[in-house]
Amino acid sequence: MAGTAPRGLAWVLIEHRGGWPVNGFDGLELEPETKARVFSAAQAAQARILLIRRHGRRRHEEGPTRWAVLRHDGSGASRQHWGTWRRDEDLTEIAAALDCPGETGGPPVLLVCAHSQHDPCCAVRGRPVGEALSERWPELVWECSHVGGDRFAANVVVVPDGVYYGGLDAESSVTTVEEHLADRISAEHLRGYTDLFPPQQAAVAAALERFGPAGRHDYTVAETLRDGDRWRIRLTGRPPRPDRIDVELQAGSAPPHQLTCRGAATSSARVYELTSIRAV
């Protein structure tokens, strides 16, 4: 799984309690001008739009629905801007929020992909994870639309930290999130950090596997060199991590297989095989 987190530093979350179209926000029947404005603003900010809802709750839930703009700047700082909407036109506030810094801090948001219309695996594997996490952290957890990597369901994304986890079940998801919230990220179930490119994500995962769990910003990518399909990534670590780690990876293609439950055709995924890792 290492090296499979989609790159991104900003997320737009829109609570939608009804059924989700197969293509998420794109398929919602919203007022056209409002929809176009939100989409355009998100594209300009390179933000991903995700639909969200609480686990097990549907249209009968009372109160206004919510939206959020979340950002991660790669240095450990994060910003959040939350609002509510009753009419489609209220969502235009998202465009304005994408142009504003937002408030620093705030608790993380735990997103569990459970988008059955996109791929049934996400719902079958995601909903038990959503239930388990919601029982433990009811205010932090939302089910969400497609996040990428259906073959790794159940997927959990921690935002605005920008950390992807995959291959989770109810038990492992609770343990993984507990460790994440304590700033002890391990290689098991880690897909990657969204502020890094895939080979850099794989290098950090290799360091976590070799030297043990570490905080979200305990490792920094200092240098990235490529020679064809070979990568050499130099990491610097905060104490008590090694000061410098050199990671060498070989990029290749995995054997063809079915990448999603819904997809009938087989395809090959890009993988990064560790060839060398050493503390300098």
C-alpha atoms as a PDB file:
ATOM      1  CA  MET A   1       0.000   0.000   0.000  1.00  0.00           C
ATOM      2  CA  ALA A   2       2.902   2.360   0.606  1.00  0.00           C
ATOM      3  CA  GLY A   3       2.998   5.196  -1.888  1.00  0.00           C
ATOM      4  CA  THR A   4      -0.687   5.136  -2.891  1.00  0.00           C
ATOM      5  CA  ALA A   5      -2.098   8.235  -1.156  1.00  0.00           C
ATOM      6  CA  PRO A   6      -3.402  10.811  -3.673  1.00  0.00           C
ATOM      7  CA  ARG A   7      -1.465  14.049  -3.414  1.00  0.00           C
ATOM      8  CA  GLY A   8      -3.336  17.048  -1.966  1.00  0.00           C
ATOM      9  CA  LEU A   9      -3.280  19.676   0.754  1.00  0.00           C
ATOM     10  CA  ALA A  10      -6.885  20.908   0.805  1.00  0.00           C
ATOM     11  CA  TRP A  11     -10.291  19.273   1.191  1.00  0.00           C
ATOM     12  CA  VAL A  12     -13.848  20.500   0.811  1.00  0.00           C
ATOM     13  CA  LEU A  13     -16.349  18.455   2.825  1.00  0.00           C
ATOM     14  CA  ILE A  14     -20.077  18.750   2.131  1.00  0.00           C
ATOM     15  CA  GLU A  15     -22.562  16.948   4.345  1.00  0.00           C
ATOM     16  CA  HIS A  16     -25.245  15.253   2.227  1.00  0.00           C
ATOM     17  CA  ARG A  17     -27.610  12.938   4.092  1.00  0.00           C
ATOM     18  CA  GLY A  18     -29.353  11.420   1.091  1.00  0.00           C
ATOM     19  CA  GLY A  19     -28.018   8.913  -1.396  1.00  0.00           C
ATOM     20  CA  TRP A  20     -24.670   9.677  -3.020  1.00  0.00           C
ATOM     21  CA  PRO A  21     -24.357   9.551  -6.821  1.00  0.00           C
ATOM     22  CA  VAL A  22     -21.675   7.283  -8.247  1.00  0.00           C
ATOM     23  CA  ASN A  23     -19.511  10.329  -9.024  1.00  0.00           C
ATOM     24  CA  GLY A  24     -20.118  12.087  -5.712  1.00  0.00           C
ATOM     25  CA  PHE A  25     -20.407  15.881  -5.763  1.00  0.00           C
ATOM     26  CA  ASP A  26     -20.363  15.974  -9.568  1.00  0.00           C
ATOM     27  CA  GLY A  27     -23.625  14.038  -9.659  1.00  0.00           C
ATOM     28  CA  LEU A  28     -25.546  16.033  -7.056  1.00  0.00           C
ATOM     29  CA  GLU A  29     -28.624  17.886  -8.280  1.00  0.00           C
ATOM     30  CA  LEU A  30     -27.713  21.357  -7.041  1.00  0.00           C
ATOM     31  CA  GLU A  31     -28.494  24.827  -8.322  1.00  0.00           C
ATOM     32  CA  PRO A  32     -26.194  24.986 -11.409  1.00  0.00           C
ATOM     33  CA  GLU A  33     -24.561  28.348 -10.726  1.00  0.00           C
ATOM     34  CA  THR A  34     -23.780  27.407  -7.135  1.00  0.00           C
ATOM     35  CA  LYS A  35     -22.395  24.031  -8.143  1.00  0.00           C
ATOM     36  CA  ALA A  36     -20.207  25.566 -10.840  1.00  0.00           C
ATOM     37  CA  ARG A  37     -18.848  28.179  -8.431  1.00  0.00           C
ATOM     38  CA  VAL A  38     -17.914  25.608  -5.786  1.00  0.00           C
ATOM     39  CA  PHE A  39     -16.332  23.321  -8.357  1.00  0.00           C
ATOM     40  CA  SER A  40     -14.331  26.149  -9.937  1.00  0.00           C
ATOM     41  CA  ALA A  41     -13.092  27.444  -6.589  1.00  0.00           C
ATOM     42  CA  ALA A  42     -12.048  23.943  -5.491  1.00  0.00           C
ATOM     43  CA  GLN A  43     -10.168  23.390  -8.745  1.00  0.00           C
ATOM     44  CA  ALA A  44      -8.336  26.701  -8.374  1.00  0.00           C
ATOM     45  CA  ALA A  45      -7.296  25.753  -4.840  1.00  0.00           C
ATOM     46  CA  GLN A  46      -6.468  22.157  -5.897  1.00  0.00           C
ATOM     47  CA  ALA A  47      -8.908  20.973  -3.246  1.00  0.00           C
ATOM     48  CA  ARG A  48     -10.722  17.646  -3.306  1.00  0.00           C
ATOM     49  CA  ILE A  49     -14.501  17.712  -2.787  1.00  0.00           C
ATOM     50  CA  LEU A  50     -15.942  14.886  -0.695  1.00  0.00           C
ATOM     51  CA  LEU A  51     -19.495  14.215   0.432  1.00  0.00           C
ATOM     52  CA  ILE A  52     -19.822  13.301   4.112  1.00  0.00           C
ATOM     53  CA  ARG A  53     -22.463  12.017   6.529  1.00  0.00           C
ATOM     54  CA  ARG A  54     -22.538  10.582  10.015  1.00  0.00           C
ATOM     55  CA  HIS A  55     -22.581   6.802  10.262  1.00  0.00           C
ATOM     56  CA  GLY A  56     -26.075   5.337  10.293  1.00  0.00           C
ATOM     57  CA  ARG A  57     -27.850   8.691   9.919  1.00  0.00           C
ATOM     58  CA  ARG A  58     -29.978   9.750   6.989  1.00  0.00           C
ATOM     59  CA  ARG A  59     -32.432  12.452   5.966  1.00  0.00           C
ATOM     60  CA  HIS A  60     -34.432  12.379   9.216  1.00  0.00           C
ATOM     61  CA  GLU A  61     -31.538  13.898  11.192  1.00  0.00           C
ATOM     62  CA  GLU A  62     -32.444  17.349  12.470  1.00  0.00           C
ATOM     63  CA  GLY A  63     -30.454  20.552  12.181  1.00  0.00           C
ATOM     64  CA  PRO A  64     -28.624  22.220   9.308  1.00  0.00           C
ATOM     65  CA  THR A  65     -26.148  20.231   7.282  1.00  0.00           C
ATOM     66  CA  ARG A  66     -22.497  21.197   7.474  1.00  0.00           C
ATOM     67  CA  TRP A  67     -19.619  21.960   5.168  1.00  0.00           C
ATOM     68  CA  ALA A  68     -15.919  22.464   5.785  1.00  0.00           C
ATOM     69  CA  VAL A  69     -12.741  23.633   4.101  1.00  0.00           C
ATOM     70  CA  LEU A  70      -9.659  21.958   5.594  1.00  0.00           C
ATOM     71  CA  ARG A  71      -6.008  22.660   4.775  1.00  0.00           C
ATOM     72  CA  HIS A  72      -2.609  21.192   5.580  1.00  0.00           C
ATOM     73  CA  ASP A  73       0.499  23.201   4.682  1.00  0.00           C
ATOM     74  CA  GLY A  74       3.121  20.459   4.984  1.00  0.00           C
ATOM     75  CA  SER A  75       4.856  22.000   8.014  1.00  0.00           C
ATOM     76  CA  GLY A  76       2.497  20.661  10.663  1.00  0.00           C
ATOM     77  CA  ALA A  77       0.116  23.607  10.657  1.00  0.00           C
ATOM     78  CA  SER A  78      -3.504  22.988   9.740  1.00  0.00           C
ATOM     79  CA  ARG A  79      -6.511  25.230   9.275  1.00  0.00           C
ATOM     80  CA  GLN A  80     -10.250  24.591   9.325  1.00  0.00           C
ATOM     81  CA  HIS A  81     -13.285  26.586   8.270  1.00  0.00           C
ATOM     82  CA  TRP A  82     -16.737  25.146   9.068  1.00  0.00           C
ATOM     83  CA  GLY A  83     -20.173  26.373   8.036  1.00  0.00           C
ATOM     84  CA  THR A  84     -23.752  25.191   7.559  1.00  0.00           C
ATOM     85  CA  TRP A  85     -26.164  25.122   4.645  1.00  0.00           C
ATOM     86  CA  ARG A  86     -29.907  24.766   4.198  1.00  0.00           C
ATOM     87  CA  ARG A  87     -30.275  25.993   0.618  1.00  0.00           C
ATOM     88  CA  ASP A  88     -28.020  25.204  -2.319  1.00  0.00           C
ATOM     89  CA  GLU A  89     -27.010  28.864  -2.520  1.00  0.00           C
ATOM     90  CA  ASP A  90     -25.511  28.673   0.981  1.00  0.00           C
ATOM     91  CA  LEU A  91     -22.721  26.526  -0.446  1.00  0.00           C
ATOM     92  CA  THR A  92     -21.252  29.540  -2.231  1.00  0.00           C
ATOM     93  CA  GLU A  93     -19.653  30.347   1.122  1.00  0.00           C
ATOM     94  CA  ILE A  94     -17.239  27.513   0.342  1.00  0.00           C
ATOM     95  CA  ALA A  95     -15.717  29.561  -2.469  1.00  0.00           C
ATOM     96  CA  ALA A  96     -15.072  32.443  -0.074  1.00  0.00           C
ATOM     97  CA  ALA A  97     -13.638  30.063   2.549  1.00  0.00           C
ATOM     98  CA  LEU A  98     -11.176  28.691  -0.001  1.00  0.00           C
ATOM     99  CA  ASP A  99      -9.770  32.210  -0.306  1.00  0.00           C
ATOM    100  CA  CYS A 100      -9.390  32.658   3.465  1.00  0.00           C
ATOM    101  CA  PRO A 101      -6.796  31.101   5.779  1.00  0.00           C
ATOM    102  CA  GLY A 102      -9.287  29.562   8.220  1.00  0.00           C
ATOM    103  CA  GLU A 103      -8.756  28.925  11.923  1.00  0.00           C
ATOM    104  CA  THR A 104      -5.662  27.122  13.129  1.00  0.00           C
ATOM    105  CA  GLY A 105      -5.858  23.980  15.179  1.00  0.00           C
ATOM    106  CA  GLY A 106      -9.072  22.132  15.830  1.00  0.00           C
ATOM    107  CA  PRO A 107      -9.547  18.373  16.211  1.00  0.00           C
ATOM    108  CA  PRO A 108      -8.753  16.152  13.234  1.00  0.00           C
ATOM    109  CA  VAL A 109     -11.515  14.787  11.030  1.00  0.00           C
ATOM    110  CA  LEU A 110     -11.663  11.023  10.448  1.00  0.00           C
ATOM    111  CA  LEU A 111     -13.093  10.134   7.050  1.00  0.00           C
ATOM    112  CA  VAL A 112     -14.174   6.558   6.306  1.00  0.00           C
ATOM    113  CA  CYS A 113     -14.863   5.780   2.661  1.00  0.00           C
ATOM    114  CA  ALA A 114     -18.261   4.069   2.432  1.00  0.00           C
ATOM    115  CA  HIS A 115     -19.332   5.015  -1.085  1.00  0.00           C
ATOM    116  CA  SER A 116     -21.284   1.963  -2.227  1.00  0.00           C
ATOM    117  CA  GLN A 117     -22.409   3.491  -5.529  1.00  0.00           C
ATOM    118  CA  HIS A 118     -18.794   3.974  -6.548  1.00  0.00           C
ATOM    119  CA  ASP A 119     -17.622   0.533  -5.403  1.00  0.00           C
ATOM    120  CA  PRO A 120     -19.407  -1.982  -3.145  1.00  0.00           C
ATOM    121  CA  CYS A 121     -16.148  -2.924  -1.389  1.00  0.00           C
ATOM    122  CA  CYS A 122     -16.031   0.543   0.142  1.00  0.00           C
ATOM    123  CA  ALA A 123     -19.421   0.079   1.775  1.00  0.00           C
ATOM    124  CA  VAL A 124     -19.074  -3.585   2.749  1.00  0.00           C
ATOM    125  CA  ARG A 125     -15.702  -3.008   4.416  1.00  0.00           C
ATOM    126  CA  GLY A 126     -16.050   0.676   5.262  1.00  0.00           C
ATOM    127  CA  ARG A 127     -19.306   0.736   7.196  1.00  0.00           C
ATOM    128  CA  PRO A 128     -18.158  -1.627   9.995  1.00  0.00           C
ATOM    129  CA  VAL A 129     -15.087   0.574  10.362  1.00  0.00           C
ATOM    130  CA  GLY A 130     -17.277   3.677  10.415  1.00  0.00           C
ATOM    131  CA  GLU A 131     -19.400   2.125  13.156  1.00  0.00           C
ATOM    132  CA  ALA A 132     -16.409   1.123  15.282  1.00  0.00           C
ATOM    133  CA  LEU A 133     -14.740   4.517  15.003  1.00  0.00           C
ATOM    134  CA  SER A 134     -18.013   6.399  15.565  1.00  0.00           C
ATOM    135  CA  GLU A 135     -18.594   4.540  18.815  1.00  0.00           C
ATOM    136  CA  ARG A 136     -15.180   5.693  20.041  1.00  0.00           C
ATOM    137  CA  TRP A 137     -14.940   9.197  18.525  1.00  0.00           C
ATOM    138  CA  PRO A 138     -18.519  10.193  17.570  1.00  0.00           C
ATOM    139  CA  GLU A 139     -17.702  13.866  16.947  1.00  0.00           C
ATOM    140  CA  LEU A 140     -14.656  13.216  14.759  1.00  0.00           C
ATOM    141  CA  VAL A 141     -15.905  10.522  12.384  1.00  0.00           C
ATOM    142  CA  TRP A 142     -17.720  10.929   9.074  1.00  0.00           C
ATOM    143  CA  GLU A 143     -18.420   8.473   6.309  1.00  0.00           C
ATOM    144  CA  CYS A 144     -17.318   9.951   3.005  1.00  0.00           C
ATOM    145  CA  SER A 145     -17.504   9.483  -0.749  1.00  0.00           C
ATOM    146  CA  HIS A 146     -14.744   7.983  -2.901  1.00  0.00           C
ATOM    147  CA  VAL A 147     -11.194   8.743  -1.722  1.00  0.00           C
ATOM    148  CA  GLY A 148      -9.288   6.524  -4.170  1.00  0.00           C
ATOM    149  CA  GLY A 149      -7.764   3.070  -3.787  1.00  0.00           C
ATOM    150  CA  ASP A 150     -10.883   0.906  -3.597  1.00  0.00           C
ATOM    151  CA  ARG A 151      -8.701  -2.210  -3.481  1.00  0.00           C
ATOM    152  CA  PHE A 152      -7.412  -1.081  -0.081  1.00  0.00           C
ATOM    153  CA  ALA A 153     -10.877  -0.828   1.530  1.00  0.00           C
ATOM    154  CA  ALA A 154     -11.559  -0.088   4.241  1.00  0.00           C
ATOM    155  CA  ASN A 155      -9.853   3.276   3.761  1.00  0.00           C
ATOM    156  CA  VAL A 156      -9.579   5.944   6.440  1.00  0.00           C
ATOM    157  CA  VAL A 157      -8.246   9.442   5.749  1.00  0.00           C
ATOM    158  CA  VAL A 158      -7.237  11.773   8.570  1.00  0.00           C
ATOM    159  CA  VAL A 159      -7.633  15.412   7.539  1.00  0.00           C
ATOM    160  CA  PRO A 160      -6.290  18.018   7.530  1.00  0.00           C
ATOM    161  CA  ASP A 161      -3.285  15.909   8.611  1.00  0.00           C
ATOM    162  CA  GLY A 162      -3.343  14.373   5.147  1.00  0.00           C
ATOM    163  CA  VAL A 163      -2.723  10.737   6.131  1.00  0.00           C
ATOM    164  CA  TYR A 164      -4.222   7.767   4.283  1.00  0.00           C
ATOM    165  CA  TYR A 165      -4.697   4.353   5.881  1.00  0.00           C
ATOM    166  CA  GLY A 166      -5.968   1.214   4.154  1.00  0.00           C
ATOM    167  CA  GLY A 167      -6.711  -2.482   4.639  1.00  0.00           C
ATOM    168  CA  LEU A 168      -8.532  -1.771   7.894  1.00  0.00           C
ATOM    169  CA  ASP A 169     -11.239  -3.638   9.756  1.00  0.00           C
ATOM    170  CA  ALA A 170     -13.192  -2.617  12.843  1.00  0.00           C
ATOM    171  CA  GLU A 171     -10.510  -3.689  15.326  1.00  0.00           C
ATOM    172  CA  SER A 172      -7.426  -2.492  13.470  1.00  0.00           C
ATOM    173  CA  SER A 173      -9.040   0.847  12.628  1.00  0.00           C
ATOM    174  CA  VAL A 174      -9.527   1.718  16.304  1.00  0.00           C
ATOM    175  CA  THR A 175      -5.931   0.778  17.125  1.00  0.00           C
ATOM    176  CA  THR A 176      -4.573   2.670  14.122  1.00  0.00           C
ATOM    177  CA  VAL A 177      -6.509   5.842  14.923  1.00  0.00           C
ATOM    178  CA  GLU A 178      -5.567   5.647  18.612  1.00  0.00           C
ATOM    179  CA  GLU A 179      -1.918   5.576  17.612  1.00  0.00           C
ATOM    180  CA  HIS A 180      -2.388   8.362  15.085  1.00  0.00           C
ATOM    181  CA  LEU A 181      -4.050  10.648  17.621  1.00  0.00           C
ATOM    182  CA  ALA A 182      -1.114   9.975  19.966  1.00  0.00           C
ATOM    183  CA  ASP A 183       1.240  10.992  17.094  1.00  0.00           C
ATOM    184  CA  ARG A 184       2.657   7.483  16.747  1.00  0.00           C
ATOM    185  CA  ILE A 185       2.229   6.535  13.095  1.00  0.00           C
ATOM    186  CA  SER A 186       3.425   3.087  12.053  1.00  0.00           C
ATOM    187  CA  ALA A 187       3.968   1.519   8.647  1.00  0.00           C
ATOM    188  CA  GLU A 188       1.221  -1.058   9.065  1.00  0.00           C
ATOM    189  CA  HIS A 189      -1.907   0.056   7.156  1.00  0.00           C
ATOM    190  CA  LEU A 190      -0.199   3.306   6.054  1.00  0.00           C
ATOM    191  CA  ARG A 191      -0.819   4.289   2.434  1.00  0.00           C
ATOM    192  CA  GLY A 192       1.011   7.591   2.666  1.00  0.00           C
ATOM    193  CA  TYR A 193       1.121  11.302   3.433  1.00  0.00           C
ATOM    194  CA  THR A 194      -0.689  13.483   0.924  1.00  0.00           C
ATOM    195  CA  ASP A 195       1.944  16.266   0.930  1.00  0.00           C
ATOM    196  CA  LEU A 196       4.491  13.810  -0.536  1.00  0.00           C
ATOM    197  CA  PHE A 197       4.877  12.184  -3.943  1.00  0.00           C
ATOM    198  CA  PRO A 198       4.419   8.372  -4.133  1.00  0.00           C
ATOM    199  CA  PRO A 199       8.111   7.341  -3.909  1.00  0.00           C
ATOM    200  CA  GLN A 200       8.598   9.749  -0.997  1.00  0.00           C
ATOM    201  CA  GLN A 201       5.568   8.229   0.736  1.00  0.00           C
ATOM    202  CA  ALA A 202       7.066   4.779   0.269  1.00  0.00           C
ATOM    203  CA  ALA A 203      10.398   5.956   1.682  1.00  0.00           C
ATOM    204  CA  VAL A 204       8.761   7.310   4.847  1.00  0.00           C
ATOM    205  CA  ALA A 205       6.834   4.053   5.248  1.00  0.00           C
ATOM    206  CA  ALA A 206      10.113   2.139   4.939  1.00  0.00           C
ATOM    207  CA  ALA A 207      11.661   4.302   7.657  1.00  0.00           C
ATOM    208  CA  LEU A 208       8.695   3.709   9.952  1.00  0.00           C
ATOM    209  CA  GLU A 209       8.935  -0.028   9.299  1.00  0.00           C
ATOM    210  CA  ARG A 210      12.690  -0.085   9.999  1.00  0.00           C
ATOM    211  CA  PHE A 211      12.965   2.339  12.916  1.00  0.00           C
ATOM    212  CA  GLY A 212       9.512   2.162  14.484  1.00  0.00           C
ATOM    213  CA  PRO A 213       6.504   4.475  14.813  1.00  0.00           C
ATOM    214  CA  ALA A 214       7.047   8.216  14.615  1.00  0.00           C
ATOM    215  CA  GLY A 215       5.106  11.465  14.623  1.00  0.00           C
ATOM    216  CA  ARG A 216       3.469  12.916  11.532  1.00  0.00           C
ATOM    217  CA  HIS A 217       6.310  15.415  11.036  1.00  0.00           C
ATOM    218  CA  ASP A 218       9.227  13.524  12.568  1.00  0.00           C
ATOM    219  CA  TYR A 219      10.592  12.757   9.092  1.00  0.00           C
ATOM    220  CA  THR A 220      11.280  15.327   6.388  1.00  0.00           C
ATOM    221  CA  VAL A 221      12.227  14.590   2.788  1.00  0.00           C
ATOM    222  CA  ALA A 222      15.565  16.308   2.239  1.00  0.00           C
ATOM    223  CA  GLU A 223      16.466  14.998  -1.223  1.00  0.00           C
ATOM    224  CA  THR A 224      14.851  12.987  -3.990  1.00  0.00           C
ATOM    225  CA  LEU A 225      16.914  11.531  -6.843  1.00  0.00           C
ATOM    226  CA  ARG A 226      15.668   9.423  -9.742  1.00  0.00           C
ATOM    227  CA  ASP A 227      17.564   7.247 -12.196  1.00  0.00           C
ATOM    228  CA  GLY A 228      15.028   5.577 -14.472  1.00  0.00           C
ATOM    229  CA  ASP A 229      12.958   3.309 -12.226  1.00  0.00           C
ATOM    230  CA  ARG A 230      15.352   3.644  -9.297  1.00  0.00           C
ATOM    231  CA  TRP A 231      14.764   6.225  -6.587  1.00  0.00           C
ATOM    232  CA  ARG A 232      16.997   7.419  -3.768  1.00  0.00           C
ATOM    233  CA  ILE A 233      15.211   9.380  -1.053  1.00  0.00           C
ATOM    234  CA  ARG A 234      17.085  11.062   1.794  1.00  0.00           C
ATOM    235  CA  LEU A 235      15.102  11.668   4.964  1.00  0.00           C
ATOM    236  CA  THR A 236      16.040  13.742   7.987  1.00  0.00           C
ATOM    237  CA  GLY A 237      14.625  12.783  11.362  1.00  0.00           C
ATOM    238  CA  ARG A 238      13.819  14.530  14.610  1.00  0.00           C
ATOM    239  CA  PRO A 239      15.380  13.042  17.768  1.00  0.00           C
ATOM    240  CA  PRO A 240      15.257  10.294  18.817  1.00  0.00           C
ATOM    241  CA  ARG A 241      14.924   9.269  15.142  1.00  0.00           C
ATOM    242  CA  PRO A 242      18.095   8.906  13.065  1.00  0.00           C
ATOM    243  CA  ASP A 243      19.416  12.256  11.847  1.00  0.00           C
ATOM    244  CA  ARG A 244      19.598  11.051   8.249  1.00  0.00           C
ATOM    245  CA  ILE A 245      18.232   8.007   6.439  1.00  0.00           C
ATOM    246  CA  ASP A 246      18.959   6.995   2.858  1.00  0.00           C
ATOM    247  CA  VAL A 247      16.233   4.911   1.231  1.00  0.00           C
ATOM    248  CA  GLU A 248      16.574   3.269  -2.178  1.00  0.00           C
ATOM    249  CA  LEU A 249      13.510   2.022  -4.045  1.00  0.00           C
ATOM    250  CA  GLN A 250      12.845   0.189  -7.285  1.00  0.00           C
ATOM    251  CA  ALA A 251       9.668   1.249  -9.065  1.00  0.00           C
ATOM    252  CA  GLY A 252       7.739  -1.340 -11.041  1.00  0.00           C
ATOM    253  CA  SER A 253       4.329  -2.711 -11.915  1.00  0.00           C
ATOM    254  CA  ALA A 254       2.463  -5.260  -9.843  1.00  0.00           C
ATOM    255  CA  PRO A 255       1.023  -8.308 -11.654  1.00  0.00           C
ATOM    256  CA  PRO A 256      -2.318  -7.491 -13.307  1.00  0.00           C
ATOM    257  CA  HIS A 257      -5.296  -8.008 -11.051  1.00  0.00           C
ATOM    258  CA  GLN A 258      -8.765  -6.628 -10.394  1.00  0.00           C
ATOM    259  CA  LEU A 259      -8.232  -3.234  -8.779  1.00  0.00           C
ATOM    260  CA  THR A 260     -11.850  -2.622  -7.703  1.00  0.00           C
ATOM    261  CA  CYS A 261     -14.809  -4.800  -6.777  1.00  0.00           C
ATOM    262  CA  ARG A 262     -16.897  -3.192  -9.498  1.00  0.00           C
ATOM    263  CA  GLY A 263     -14.234  -3.197 -12.224  1.00  0.00           C
ATOM    264  CA  ALA A 264     -14.249  -6.338 -14.350  1.00  0.00           C
ATOM    265  CA  ALA A 265     -10.962  -5.688 -16.167  1.00  0.00           C
ATOM    266  CA  THR A 266      -7.555  -6.335 -14.626  1.00  0.00           C
ATOM    267  CA  SER A 267      -4.860  -3.707 -14.443  1.00  0.00           C
ATOM    268  CA  SER A 268      -1.344  -3.215 -13.070  1.00  0.00           C
ATOM    269  CA  ALA A 269      -0.643  -0.842 -10.201  1.00  0.00           C
ATOM    270  CA  ARG A 270       2.607   1.064  -9.629  1.00  0.00           C
ATOM    271  CA  VAL A 271       4.606  -0.273  -6.688  1.00  0.00           C
ATOM    272  CA  TYR A 272       7.842   0.721  -4.955  1.00  0.00           C
ATOM    273  CA  GLU A 273      10.062  -2.087  -3.715  1.00  0.00           C
ATOM    274  CA  LEU A 274      12.580  -1.309  -0.995  1.00  0.00           C
ATOM    275  CA  THR A 275      16.130  -2.257  -2.053  1.00  0.00           C
ATOM    276  CA  SER A 276      18.149  -0.500   0.640  1.00  0.00           C
ATOM    277  CA  ILE A 277      17.689   1.561   3.795  1.00  0.00           C
ATOM    278  CA  ARG A 278      20.397   2.814   6.140  1.00  0.00           C
ATOM    279  CA  ALA A 279      20.864   5.424   8.796  1.00  0.00           C
ATOM    280  CA  VAL A 280      23.787   7.723   7.989  1.00  0.00           C
END
